[in-house]
Amino acid sequence: MGDGGVNRLEPPGSSETVLHDAFYAAARRLPEKIALICGSKRYRFAYIRQAVDALAACLQQRGVQRGDRVAIFLDNGVEAVVGVYAVLRVGAVVMPINPLTKQDKLAYLLDDSGAGALLTHALLRDAWVGALARNRTVRTCIVVAADAPVADERFLSYEQAVAGSSEPLDVPLIDQDLAAVIYTSGSTGDSKGVMLTHLNMVSASRSVSSYLGIRESDVILCALPLAFDYGLYQILMGFKAGATVVLERSFALPAKVVQLMAQEHVTVLPGVPTLFSQLMNFRALPDFDLRALRLITNTAAALPEQQIRALQRQFPQARLYSMYGLTECKRVTYLPPEQLDIRPNSVGRGMPNQELWLVDEAGNRLPPGSVGELVVRGSHVMRGYWGKPDETAKRLRTGPNPGERVLYSGDIFRTDAEGYLYFVARKDDVIKSRGEKVSPREVENVLYNLEGVREAAVIGVPDPLLGQAVKAFVALRPGFRYTEKEVIRHCLSRLENFMAPKRIVFVDALPKTETGKITKTGLE
């Protein structure tokens, strides 16, 4: 038997065994409903399904097979959404790449993954032309808005691809097949491809959707890049529910996005701290009717308490979810909104259908009230890192059942008596000063409580007497000025002496990753 005995007994959408089933089910149930809004254009489920099938058939005709990695190097837009589902439809593996990625990094990602196809845009040619010139694995490249035919037979315009009427061949898939390889942010050499199966992503999507209560009537604003897994999941969870997704490229123009939120009666706003900071700094925000907003969700980094309070004051009708996760398993915890006033600095407890615990350096389980590394167990935990068995072995270790592997997160947390988690630091970020362990997060929380602090980051730097000294980088809001001594005095009034920063460096802004998360890389 050519497929090795693997059979798919149901057509796409008849169950939720693989990731694209939910989309096809929604497209059959709600063909005329608006699924996606991109700028002034509105797309019905029926249109997206037709485009997905046409592109999928084209990919098959051009040799893309089950298990091939297909890089999607596009800005947020309908083409990226169609691309994701078309790749899944043919049994290939989605590999989203941030459109801000430069040529050398793109070349590394294509080579490291052995990508067989690339879906991209003509406007990004400065990156992909050079990357493809030194690549030997990409056999086909589909280009959006190609301004002229390309002689190279590897190239085809996206518009031509989706204009076809061919039906894709059914591909036998099971939930253990890979659905995506998502590269973690970092320098070229450090980026690792997180391998996620259909089961991983279906499980994560189902669990997060259940506690958030995503509905068919929801209108979800996604201004996060689809190359960021949290952005991608807005499409997956939204379409699973039959909701409408309003897809924006970024939150760089708050006035435009807020106007769109009011116009489309957005009900769900997912974001990261930098996005919410931009939103709350938009002075005309109270002039817009955003009463339809019922859910606000945050991930990537914990929201400072002052930002939580500002969001609560501005949107008293909305439920605010503070969450923690990592690409290797998508989501780990969430804090029920009713707990925000009780424990605002917590990221909550575990989500449905998973188990988590803390361990000491020897791997022993710790009781409530302890500090240790977080371990995650569940069907959403990654398969491993693409092509990196040694790195995989460090993160996936023996679980409680024979043959089972669980995820060692590399993040240090503490728990309270009721099991709520509080982020302490990345395992490698803990500062050791005067023989004491200092949590950068705890110091940063104190800095954020100083009025006017917009961004803060804390690191340890070598010191001949202390071993490591605590150093803080602070960005202030317009109109605020402090001296170094004033900030240190504020910290000393709230922290033990060994935890307070010895140096304060004022900066205009802190460096950020492609997803808007503050990064300490380069700070010294």
Protein backbone atom coordinates (compact mmCIF):
# COMPACT_ATOMS: atom_id res chain seq x y z
CA MET A 1 0.00 0.00 0.00
CA GLY A 2 1.59 3.27 -1.13
CA ASP A 3 0.59 5.29 1.93
CA GLY A 4 1.97 2.72 4.36
CA GLY A 5 -1.50 1.72 5.52
CA VAL A 6 -2.49 5.23 6.69
CA ASN A 7 -6.09 6.02 5.87
CA ARG A 8 -8.27 9.05 6.22
CA LEU A 9 -11.84 7.81 6.39
CA GLU A 10 -13.50 11.22 6.60
CA PRO A 11 -13.25 14.24 4.28
CA PRO A 12 -11.62 17.41 5.67
CA GLY A 13 -13.78 19.08 8.27
CA SER A 14 -15.74 16.03 9.38
CA SER A 15 -13.76 15.69 12.61
CA GLU A 16 -11.02 17.53 14.42
CA THR A 17 -8.22 15.03 14.12
CA VAL A 18 -5.93 17.35 12.18
CA LEU A 19 -5.57 21.10 12.40
CA HIS A 20 -7.41 22.18 9.24
CA ASP A 21 -10.50 20.06 10.00
CA ALA A 22 -12.01 22.86 12.09
CA PHE A 23 -11.64 25.38 9.25
CA TYR A 24 -13.35 23.12 6.73
CA ALA A 25 -16.16 22.42 9.20
CA ALA A 26 -16.73 26.17 9.68
CA ALA A 27 -16.58 26.79 5.91
CA ARG A 28 -19.28 24.18 5.31
CA ARG A 29 -21.45 25.44 8.15
CA LEU A 30 -21.06 29.18 7.50
CA PRO A 31 -20.08 29.64 3.84
CA GLU A 32 -21.49 33.16 3.52
CA LYS A 33 -20.23 34.51 6.82
CA ILE A 34 -17.35 37.01 6.82
CA ALA A 35 -14.34 35.08 8.06
CA LEU A 36 -11.59 37.62 7.53
CA ILE A 37 -11.32 41.40 7.28
CA CYS A 38 -8.08 42.85 5.89
CA GLY A 39 -8.20 46.61 5.57
CA SER A 40 -11.16 47.48 3.34
CA LYS A 41 -11.55 43.93 2.03
CA ARG A 42 -13.87 41.32 3.49
CA TYR A 43 -13.59 37.62 2.76
CA ARG A 44 -16.27 34.98 3.31
CA PHE A 45 -15.51 31.47 4.48
CA ALA A 46 -16.56 30.16 1.04
CA TYR A 47 -14.00 32.37 -0.72
CA ILE A 48 -11.17 31.37 1.60
CA ARG A 49 -12.00 27.71 1.18
CA GLN A 50 -11.97 28.04 -2.61
CA ALA A 51 -8.62 29.84 -2.50
CA VAL A 52 -7.19 27.26 -0.08
CA ASP A 53 -8.22 24.36 -2.32
CA ALA A 54 -6.86 26.06 -5.45
CA LEU A 55 -3.50 26.84 -3.84
CA ALA A 56 -3.33 23.35 -2.33
CA ALA A 57 -3.91 21.77 -5.75
CA CYS A 58 -1.23 24.03 -7.22
CA LEU A 59 1.26 23.02 -4.51
CA GLN A 60 0.59 19.37 -5.22
CA GLN A 61 1.04 19.90 -8.95
CA ARG A 62 4.38 21.54 -8.24
CA GLY A 63 5.60 18.58 -6.22
CA VAL A 64 4.88 19.53 -2.62
CA GLN A 65 4.25 16.36 -0.66
CA ARG A 66 3.25 15.20 2.78
CA GLY A 67 5.89 16.22 5.31
CA ASP A 68 7.58 18.89 3.16
CA ARG A 69 8.30 22.15 4.95
CA VAL A 70 6.75 25.19 3.26
CA ALA A 71 8.00 28.60 4.36
CA ILE A 72 5.39 31.35 4.53
CA PHE A 73 7.31 34.61 4.37
CA LEU A 74 4.51 37.17 4.24
CA ASP A 75 3.02 40.13 6.07
CA ASN A 76 -0.35 39.62 7.70
CA GLY A 77 -2.97 39.33 4.98
CA VAL A 78 -5.39 36.98 3.28
CA GLU A 79 -2.55 35.38 1.30
CA ALA A 80 -0.82 34.26 4.51
CA VAL A 81 -4.05 32.81 5.88
CA VAL A 82 -4.80 30.96 2.64
CA GLY A 83 -1.20 29.75 2.58
CA VAL A 84 -1.37 28.26 6.08
CA TYR A 85 -4.46 26.19 5.35
CA ALA A 86 -3.32 25.18 1.84
CA VAL A 87 -0.04 23.84 3.24
CA LEU A 88 -1.92 21.88 5.90
CA ARG A 89 -4.40 20.60 3.30
CA VAL A 90 -1.64 18.88 1.31
CA GLY A 91 -0.13 17.32 4.43
CA ALA A 92 2.90 19.60 4.37
CA VAL A 93 4.37 21.51 7.30
CA VAL A 94 3.71 25.23 7.87
CA MET A 95 6.85 27.25 8.57
CA PRO A 96 5.88 30.89 9.24
CA ILE A 97 8.69 33.45 8.97
CA ASN A 98 8.46 37.04 10.15
CA PRO A 99 8.44 39.41 7.13
CA LEU A 100 11.03 41.60 8.88
CA THR A 101 13.59 38.79 8.59
CA LYS A 102 16.72 39.79 6.68
CA GLN A 103 18.46 37.87 3.89
CA ASP A 104 21.07 36.02 5.96
CA LYS A 105 18.59 34.88 8.60
CA LEU A 106 16.10 33.83 5.92
CA ALA A 107 18.81 31.81 4.16
CA TYR A 108 19.62 30.07 7.44
CA LEU A 109 15.96 29.21 8.14
CA LEU A 110 15.40 27.79 4.65
CA ASP A 111 18.59 25.75 4.81
CA ASP A 112 18.16 24.54 8.39
CA SER A 113 14.59 23.35 7.76
CA GLY A 114 15.26 21.94 4.29
CA ALA A 115 12.18 23.85 3.08
CA GLY A 116 10.84 22.56 -0.22
CA ALA A 117 8.67 25.57 -1.09
CA LEU A 118 8.35 29.26 -0.32
CA LEU A 119 5.28 31.51 -0.36
CA THR A 120 6.28 35.17 -0.30
CA HIS A 121 5.59 38.69 -1.62
CA ALA A 122 7.29 40.67 -4.36
CA LEU A 123 7.87 43.54 -1.90
CA LEU A 124 10.12 41.26 0.17
CA ARG A 125 12.38 40.36 -2.74
CA ASP A 126 15.42 42.08 -1.19
CA ALA A 127 15.48 39.25 1.34
CA TRP A 128 14.32 36.21 -0.62
CA VAL A 129 16.17 36.71 -3.90
CA GLY A 130 19.55 36.52 -2.21
CA ALA A 131 18.45 33.76 0.16
CA LEU A 132 17.23 31.59 -2.72
CA ALA A 133 20.38 32.22 -4.75
CA ARG A 134 22.34 30.12 -2.23
CA ASN A 135 19.60 27.62 -1.42
CA ARG A 136 19.41 24.07 -2.80
CA THR A 137 16.17 22.75 -1.28
CA VAL A 138 13.40 25.16 -2.34
CA ARG A 139 11.89 23.67 -5.49
CA THR A 140 8.99 26.08 -5.95
CA CYS A 141 8.36 29.70 -5.01
CA ILE A 142 4.93 31.31 -5.19
CA VAL A 143 5.07 35.11 -5.19
CA VAL A 144 2.22 37.48 -4.29
CA ALA A 145 1.90 40.55 -6.55
CA ALA A 146 4.63 39.45 -8.94
CA ASP A 147 4.84 42.40 -11.31
CA ALA A 148 6.14 40.39 -14.25
CA PRO A 149 6.53 36.73 -15.23
CA VAL A 150 9.80 35.18 -14.06
CA ALA A 151 11.72 32.96 -16.47
CA ASP A 152 12.83 30.61 -13.70
CA GLU A 153 10.43 27.65 -13.69
CA ARG A 154 10.54 27.53 -9.90
CA PHE A 155 8.47 30.73 -9.72
CA LEU A 156 4.71 31.22 -10.05
CA SER A 157 2.46 34.13 -9.15
CA TYR A 158 0.10 33.63 -6.21
CA GLU A 159 -2.73 35.20 -8.18
CA GLN A 160 -2.32 32.60 -10.90
CA ALA A 161 -2.14 29.81 -8.33
CA VAL A 162 -5.44 30.65 -6.61
CA ALA A 163 -7.25 31.30 -9.90
CA GLY A 164 -7.20 27.59 -10.69
CA SER A 165 -10.22 25.35 -10.26
CA SER A 166 -8.51 22.02 -9.56
CA GLU A 167 -9.42 20.11 -6.41
CA PRO A 168 -6.49 18.95 -4.29
CA LEU A 169 -6.01 15.25 -3.80
CA ASP A 170 -6.87 13.95 -0.35
CA VAL A 171 -3.77 13.23 1.71
CA PRO A 172 -3.85 10.57 4.42
CA LEU A 173 -2.90 12.23 7.71
CA ILE A 174 -3.01 11.34 11.39
CA ASP A 175 -2.62 13.60 14.37
CA GLN A 176 1.02 12.53 14.88
CA ASP A 177 2.06 14.15 11.59
CA LEU A 178 3.90 17.45 11.81
CA ALA A 179 1.72 20.52 11.30
CA ALA A 180 4.26 23.30 11.85
CA VAL A 181 7.88 24.15 12.48
CA ILE A 182 8.02 27.49 14.27
CA TYR A 183 11.44 29.01 14.83
CA THR A 184 12.16 30.65 18.15
CA SER A 185 13.46 34.19 18.04
CA GLY A 186 17.17 34.73 18.48
CA SER A 187 20.35 35.23 16.50
CA THR A 188 20.76 33.18 13.33
CA GLY A 189 22.78 30.45 14.98
CA ASP A 190 20.53 30.25 18.06
CA SER A 191 17.15 29.96 16.34
CA LYS A 192 15.60 26.54 16.84
CA GLY A 193 12.70 25.07 14.87
CA VAL A 194 10.00 23.92 17.28
CA MET A 195 8.29 20.85 15.77
CA LEU A 196 4.54 20.77 16.46
CA THR A 197 2.24 17.93 15.45
CA HIS A 198 -1.42 18.26 14.53
CA LEU A 199 -2.23 16.78 17.94
CA ASN A 200 -0.05 19.39 19.66
CA MET A 201 -1.80 22.28 17.96
CA VAL A 202 -5.34 20.90 18.06
CA SER A 203 -4.92 20.21 21.79
CA ALA A 204 -3.58 23.70 22.50
CA SER A 205 -6.25 25.39 20.39
CA ARG A 206 -9.03 23.40 22.05
CA SER A 207 -7.79 24.10 25.57
CA VAL A 208 -7.21 27.84 25.13
CA SER A 209 -10.52 28.30 23.30
CA SER A 210 -12.34 26.51 26.11
CA TYR A 211 -11.18 28.72 28.97
CA LEU A 212 -11.44 31.92 26.93
CA GLY A 213 -14.86 30.94 25.62
CA ILE A 214 -14.30 32.04 22.00
CA ARG A 215 -17.70 32.24 20.25
CA GLU A 216 -19.06 32.22 16.72
CA SER A 217 -20.31 35.77 17.31
CA ASP A 218 -16.84 37.09 18.24
CA VAL A 219 -14.88 39.59 16.18
CA ILE A 220 -11.18 39.09 16.96
CA LEU A 221 -8.60 41.78 16.24
CA CYS A 222 -5.22 40.28 15.34
CA ALA A 223 -2.46 42.89 15.06
CA LEU A 224 0.21 40.35 15.97
CA PRO A 225 2.34 38.79 13.20
CA LEU A 226 1.14 35.36 12.07
CA ALA A 227 4.79 34.28 12.30
CA PHE A 228 4.36 34.68 16.08
CA ASP A 229 2.50 31.59 17.27
CA TYR A 230 0.08 33.70 19.33
CA GLY A 231 -0.88 35.58 16.17
CA LEU A 232 -1.29 32.33 14.21
CA TYR A 233 -3.54 30.88 16.90
CA GLN A 234 -5.95 33.82 16.57
CA ILE A 235 -6.73 32.53 13.07
CA LEU A 236 -6.86 28.89 14.17
CA MET A 237 -9.10 29.51 17.19
CA GLY A 238 -11.23 32.13 15.44
CA PHE A 239 -11.98 29.96 12.41
CA LYS A 240 -12.53 26.93 14.65
CA ALA A 241 -15.37 28.83 16.34
CA GLY A 242 -16.68 30.33 13.09
CA ALA A 243 -15.77 33.81 14.34
CA THR A 244 -14.57 36.79 12.28
CA VAL A 245 -10.90 37.81 12.42
CA VAL A 246 -9.86 41.39 11.70
CA LEU A 247 -6.27 41.06 10.53
CA GLU A 248 -3.92 44.04 10.79
CA ARG A 249 -0.22 44.15 9.99
CA SER A 250 0.75 45.79 13.29
CA PHE A 251 -0.31 48.26 15.97
CA ALA A 252 2.12 50.90 14.66
CA LEU A 253 -0.76 53.30 13.87
CA PRO A 254 -2.99 53.16 16.97
CA ALA A 255 -5.49 55.71 15.61
CA LYS A 256 -6.21 53.58 12.56
CA VAL A 257 -6.48 50.33 14.53
CA VAL A 258 -8.67 51.79 17.29
CA GLN A 259 -10.99 53.30 14.68
CA LEU A 260 -11.23 49.87 13.05
CA MET A 261 -11.99 48.26 16.43
CA ALA A 262 -14.89 50.63 16.92
CA GLN A 263 -16.14 50.27 13.34
CA GLU A 264 -16.09 46.45 13.39
CA HIS A 265 -17.33 46.13 17.00
CA VAL A 266 -14.30 44.07 18.00
CA THR A 267 -15.01 41.76 20.94
CA VAL A 268 -11.61 40.08 21.49
CA LEU A 269 -8.25 41.88 21.71
CA PRO A 270 -5.15 39.66 22.03
CA GLY A 271 -1.89 41.46 22.66
CA VAL A 272 1.49 41.75 24.31
CA PRO A 273 2.66 44.41 26.80
CA THR A 274 4.13 46.70 24.14
CA LEU A 275 0.85 46.69 22.19
CA PHE A 276 -1.16 47.53 25.31
CA SER A 277 1.32 50.27 26.19
CA GLN A 278 0.75 51.84 22.75
CA LEU A 279 -3.00 51.51 23.21
CA MET A 280 -3.09 53.14 26.62
CA ASN A 281 -0.77 55.96 25.47
CA PHE A 282 -3.18 56.83 22.63
CA ARG A 283 -4.75 59.98 24.03
CA ALA A 284 -7.87 59.89 21.84
CA LEU A 285 -8.79 56.37 23.05
CA PRO A 286 -11.76 57.56 25.18
CA ASP A 287 -13.31 59.16 22.09
CA PHE A 288 -14.01 55.76 20.50
CA ASP A 289 -16.88 53.44 21.34
CA LEU A 290 -15.22 50.16 22.29
CA ARG A 291 -17.98 48.81 24.50
CA ALA A 292 -18.24 45.65 22.38
CA LEU A 293 -14.84 44.53 23.71
CA ARG A 294 -15.42 41.59 26.08
CA LEU A 295 -12.04 39.78 26.17
CA ILE A 296 -8.48 41.10 26.47
CA THR A 297 -5.69 38.51 26.48
CA ASN A 298 -1.99 39.00 27.13
CA THR A 299 1.04 36.79 26.61
CA ALA A 300 4.79 36.96 25.67
CA ALA A 301 5.62 38.79 28.92
CA ALA A 302 3.71 39.53 32.11
CA LEU A 303 1.70 42.74 32.23
CA PRO A 304 2.97 45.20 34.84
CA GLU A 305 0.36 45.85 37.53
CA GLN A 306 -0.01 49.50 36.54
CA GLN A 307 -0.88 48.42 32.99
CA ILE A 308 -3.43 45.93 34.31
CA ARG A 309 -5.11 48.68 36.34
CA ALA A 310 -5.14 51.07 33.38
CA LEU A 311 -6.79 48.46 31.14
CA GLN A 312 -9.37 47.67 33.82
CA ARG A 313 -10.26 51.36 34.17
CA GLN A 314 -10.52 51.88 30.41
CA PHE A 315 -12.44 48.66 29.67
CA PRO A 316 -14.43 47.77 32.81
CA GLN A 317 -16.77 45.52 30.79
CA ALA A 318 -13.94 43.33 29.42
CA ARG A 319 -12.46 40.22 31.04
CA LEU A 320 -8.67 40.49 31.13
CA TYR A 321 -6.64 37.27 30.93
CA SER A 322 -2.99 37.29 31.92
CA MET A 323 -1.32 34.19 30.47
CA TYR A 324 2.03 32.47 30.20
CA GLY A 325 3.27 30.15 27.50
CA LEU A 326 6.18 29.29 25.28
CA THR A 327 6.45 28.16 21.68
CA GLU A 328 7.42 24.66 22.78
CA CYS A 329 3.90 24.00 24.08
CA LYS A 330 1.93 27.11 23.11
CA ARG A 331 0.20 27.82 26.43
CA VAL A 332 0.79 26.77 30.04
CA THR A 333 -1.17 28.96 32.43
CA TYR A 334 -3.85 31.60 32.65
CA LEU A 335 -5.07 33.78 35.51
CA PRO A 336 -8.87 33.91 35.82
CA PRO A 337 -9.92 37.58 35.59
CA GLU A 338 -11.54 37.48 39.03
CA GLN A 339 -8.07 36.79 40.49
CA LEU A 340 -6.48 39.96 39.07
CA ASP A 341 -7.28 42.09 42.09
CA ILE A 342 -6.09 39.36 44.46
CA ARG A 343 -2.80 38.36 42.82
CA PRO A 344 -2.07 40.73 39.89
CA ASN A 345 1.55 39.57 39.54
CA SER A 346 0.60 35.92 39.02
CA VAL A 347 0.34 34.22 35.63
CA GLY A 348 -2.24 31.85 37.08
CA ARG A 349 -2.53 28.09 37.19
CA GLY A 350 -2.45 25.37 34.54
CA MET A 351 -4.93 25.29 31.67
CA PRO A 352 -7.26 22.34 30.94
CA ASN A 353 -5.83 18.97 29.85
CA GLN A 354 -2.30 19.41 31.13
CA GLU A 355 -0.25 18.85 34.27
CA LEU A 356 2.55 21.03 35.60
CA TRP A 357 4.88 21.10 38.57
CA LEU A 358 8.12 22.66 39.83
CA VAL A 359 11.41 20.82 40.29
CA ASP A 360 14.68 21.59 42.02
CA GLU A 361 18.07 21.40 40.31
CA ALA A 362 18.14 17.62 40.86
CA GLY A 363 14.75 17.15 39.20
CA ASN A 364 12.80 16.48 42.41
CA ARG A 365 9.19 17.68 42.59
CA LEU A 366 8.68 20.65 44.91
CA PRO A 367 5.67 21.40 47.16
CA PRO A 368 3.52 24.58 46.95
CA GLY A 369 5.33 27.67 48.15
CA SER A 370 8.61 26.62 46.50
CA VAL A 371 10.80 28.12 43.79
CA GLY A 372 11.95 25.92 40.93
CA GLU A 373 11.92 25.13 37.22
CA LEU A 374 8.51 24.64 35.64
CA VAL A 375 7.82 21.26 34.03
CA VAL A 376 4.88 20.81 31.64
CA ARG A 377 3.11 17.57 30.69
CA GLY A 378 0.42 17.25 28.04
CA SER A 379 -0.51 16.48 24.46
CA HIS A 380 0.40 20.06 23.47
CA VAL A 381 4.11 19.59 24.25
CA MET A 382 6.31 19.80 21.13
CA ARG A 383 7.84 16.85 19.32
CA GLY A 384 11.29 18.45 19.64
CA TYR A 385 13.63 20.86 17.84
CA TRP A 386 14.13 20.32 14.12
CA GLY A 387 17.49 18.68 13.45
CA LYS A 388 18.77 19.30 17.00
CA PRO A 389 18.60 16.08 19.02
CA ASP A 390 20.97 17.35 21.73
CA GLU A 391 18.92 20.50 22.31
CA THR A 392 15.76 18.40 22.29
CA ALA A 393 17.17 16.06 24.94
CA LYS A 394 17.83 19.02 27.25
CA ARG A 395 14.22 20.17 27.13
CA LEU A 396 12.28 16.92 26.72
CA ARG A 397 13.05 14.48 29.51
CA THR A 398 11.58 11.32 30.97
CA GLY A 399 8.04 11.75 32.30
CA PRO A 400 6.05 9.86 34.93
CA ASN A 401 5.01 7.11 32.48
CA PRO A 402 7.40 4.76 30.66
CA GLY A 403 8.37 6.19 27.28
CA GLU A 404 6.75 9.56 28.00
CA ARG A 405 8.60 12.86 27.69
CA VAL A 406 7.76 16.10 29.46
CA LEU A 407 8.92 19.66 28.82
CA TYR A 408 11.46 21.31 31.10
CA SER A 409 10.61 24.95 30.39
CA GLY A 410 13.87 26.59 31.43
CA ASP A 411 11.79 29.13 33.38
CA ILE A 412 11.95 29.57 37.15
CA PHE A 413 8.68 30.16 39.01
CA ARG A 414 7.49 30.28 42.57
CA THR A 415 4.10 29.08 43.72
CA ASP A 416 1.88 30.31 46.51
CA ALA A 417 -0.04 28.05 48.89
CA GLU A 418 -2.92 27.73 46.41
CA GLY A 419 -0.70 26.74 43.50
CA TYR A 420 -0.71 30.06 41.60
CA LEU A 421 2.49 30.68 39.68
CA TYR A 422 4.73 33.76 39.74
CA PHE A 423 7.47 34.16 37.15
CA VAL A 424 10.93 34.61 38.66
CA ALA A 425 13.37 34.46 35.74
CA ARG A 426 14.71 32.47 32.85
CA LYS A 427 16.93 29.79 34.34
CA ASP A 428 20.00 31.45 32.83
CA ASP A 429 18.91 34.97 33.88
CA VAL A 430 18.92 34.57 37.68
CA ILE A 431 21.35 37.10 39.16
CA LYS A 432 23.65 35.94 41.98
CA SER A 433 24.68 38.94 44.06
CA ARG A 434 26.43 38.68 47.44
CA GLY A 435 25.68 34.97 47.35
CA GLU A 436 21.93 35.68 47.11
CA LYS A 437 19.66 34.89 44.14
CA VAL A 438 17.92 37.90 42.64
CA SER A 439 14.87 37.66 40.39
CA PRO A 440 15.07 40.25 37.58
CA ARG A 441 11.27 40.12 37.28
CA GLU A 442 10.78 41.12 40.92
CA VAL A 443 13.06 44.15 40.51
CA GLU A 444 11.37 45.09 37.21
CA ASN A 445 7.94 44.98 38.88
CA VAL A 446 9.16 47.50 41.46
CA LEU A 447 10.52 49.75 38.73
CA TYR A 448 7.19 49.62 36.87
CA ASN A 449 5.48 50.81 40.04
CA LEU A 450 7.38 54.09 39.78
CA GLU A 451 5.11 56.56 38.01
CA GLY A 452 6.26 57.37 34.51
CA VAL A 453 8.28 54.21 33.87
CA ARG A 454 7.31 52.91 30.43
CA GLU A 455 9.82 50.05 30.02
CA ALA A 456 12.28 48.36 32.35
CA ALA A 457 14.85 45.57 32.09
CA VAL A 458 17.18 44.24 34.76
CA ILE A 459 20.40 42.26 34.22
CA GLY A 460 23.40 41.12 36.25
CA VAL A 461 26.85 42.49 35.40
CA PRO A 462 30.23 41.29 36.69
CA ASP A 463 31.38 42.92 39.92
CA PRO A 464 34.63 42.18 41.82
CA LEU A 465 32.98 42.41 45.25
CA LEU A 466 29.39 41.26 44.63
CA GLY A 467 30.03 38.60 41.99
CA GLN A 468 27.20 40.17 40.00
CA ALA A 469 25.71 43.63 40.45
CA VAL A 470 22.11 44.43 39.60
CA LYS A 471 21.83 46.90 36.74
CA ALA A 472 18.58 48.37 35.43
CA PHE A 473 17.69 49.97 32.11
CA VAL A 474 14.69 52.31 32.25
CA ALA A 475 12.68 54.12 29.56
CA LEU A 476 10.44 56.93 30.82
CA ARG A 477 7.21 58.34 29.45
CA PRO A 478 7.33 61.86 27.98
CA GLY A 479 7.29 64.53 30.68
CA PHE A 480 8.94 62.43 33.40
CA ARG A 481 12.50 62.91 34.66
CA TYR A 482 14.35 61.10 37.44
CA THR A 483 17.93 60.96 38.60
CA GLU A 484 19.73 57.66 39.10
CA LYS A 485 19.69 58.21 42.87
CA GLU A 486 15.92 58.79 42.91
CA VAL A 487 15.22 55.51 41.13
CA ILE A 488 17.61 53.56 43.37
CA ARG A 489 15.98 55.14 46.45
CA HIS A 490 12.56 54.01 45.17
CA CYS A 491 13.87 50.44 44.79
CA LEU A 492 15.56 50.41 48.22
CA SER A 493 12.26 51.39 49.82
CA ARG A 494 10.61 48.26 48.42
CA LEU A 495 13.39 45.67 48.04
CA GLU A 496 16.04 44.06 50.15
CA ASN A 497 19.36 45.86 49.84
CA PHE A 498 21.05 43.14 47.78
CA MET A 499 18.19 43.18 45.24
CA ALA A 500 18.18 46.93 44.56
CA PRO A 501 19.97 48.08 41.39
CA LYS A 502 23.45 49.55 41.81
CA ARG A 503 23.23 51.25 38.43
CA ILE A 504 20.37 52.84 36.50
CA VAL A 505 20.75 53.57 32.79
CA PHE A 506 18.09 55.76 31.17
CA VAL A 507 17.29 54.90 27.55
CA ASP A 508 14.76 56.10 24.99
CA ALA A 509 13.51 52.55 24.39
CA LEU A 510 14.59 48.99 25.09
CA PRO A 511 15.44 46.48 22.36
CA LYS A 512 12.62 44.15 21.36
CA THR A 513 12.17 40.89 19.53
CA GLU A 514 10.24 40.63 16.27
CA THR A 515 7.10 39.95 18.32
CA GLY A 516 7.45 43.09 20.45
CA LYS A 517 8.80 41.40 23.58
CA ILE A 518 11.57 43.24 25.43
CA THR A 519 14.88 41.43 24.95
CA LYS A 520 18.00 41.80 27.09
CA THR A 521 20.31 40.69 24.29
CA GLY A 522 22.94 43.39 23.84
CA LEU A 523 22.32 45.07 27.20
CA GLU A 524 25.50 45.29 29.26
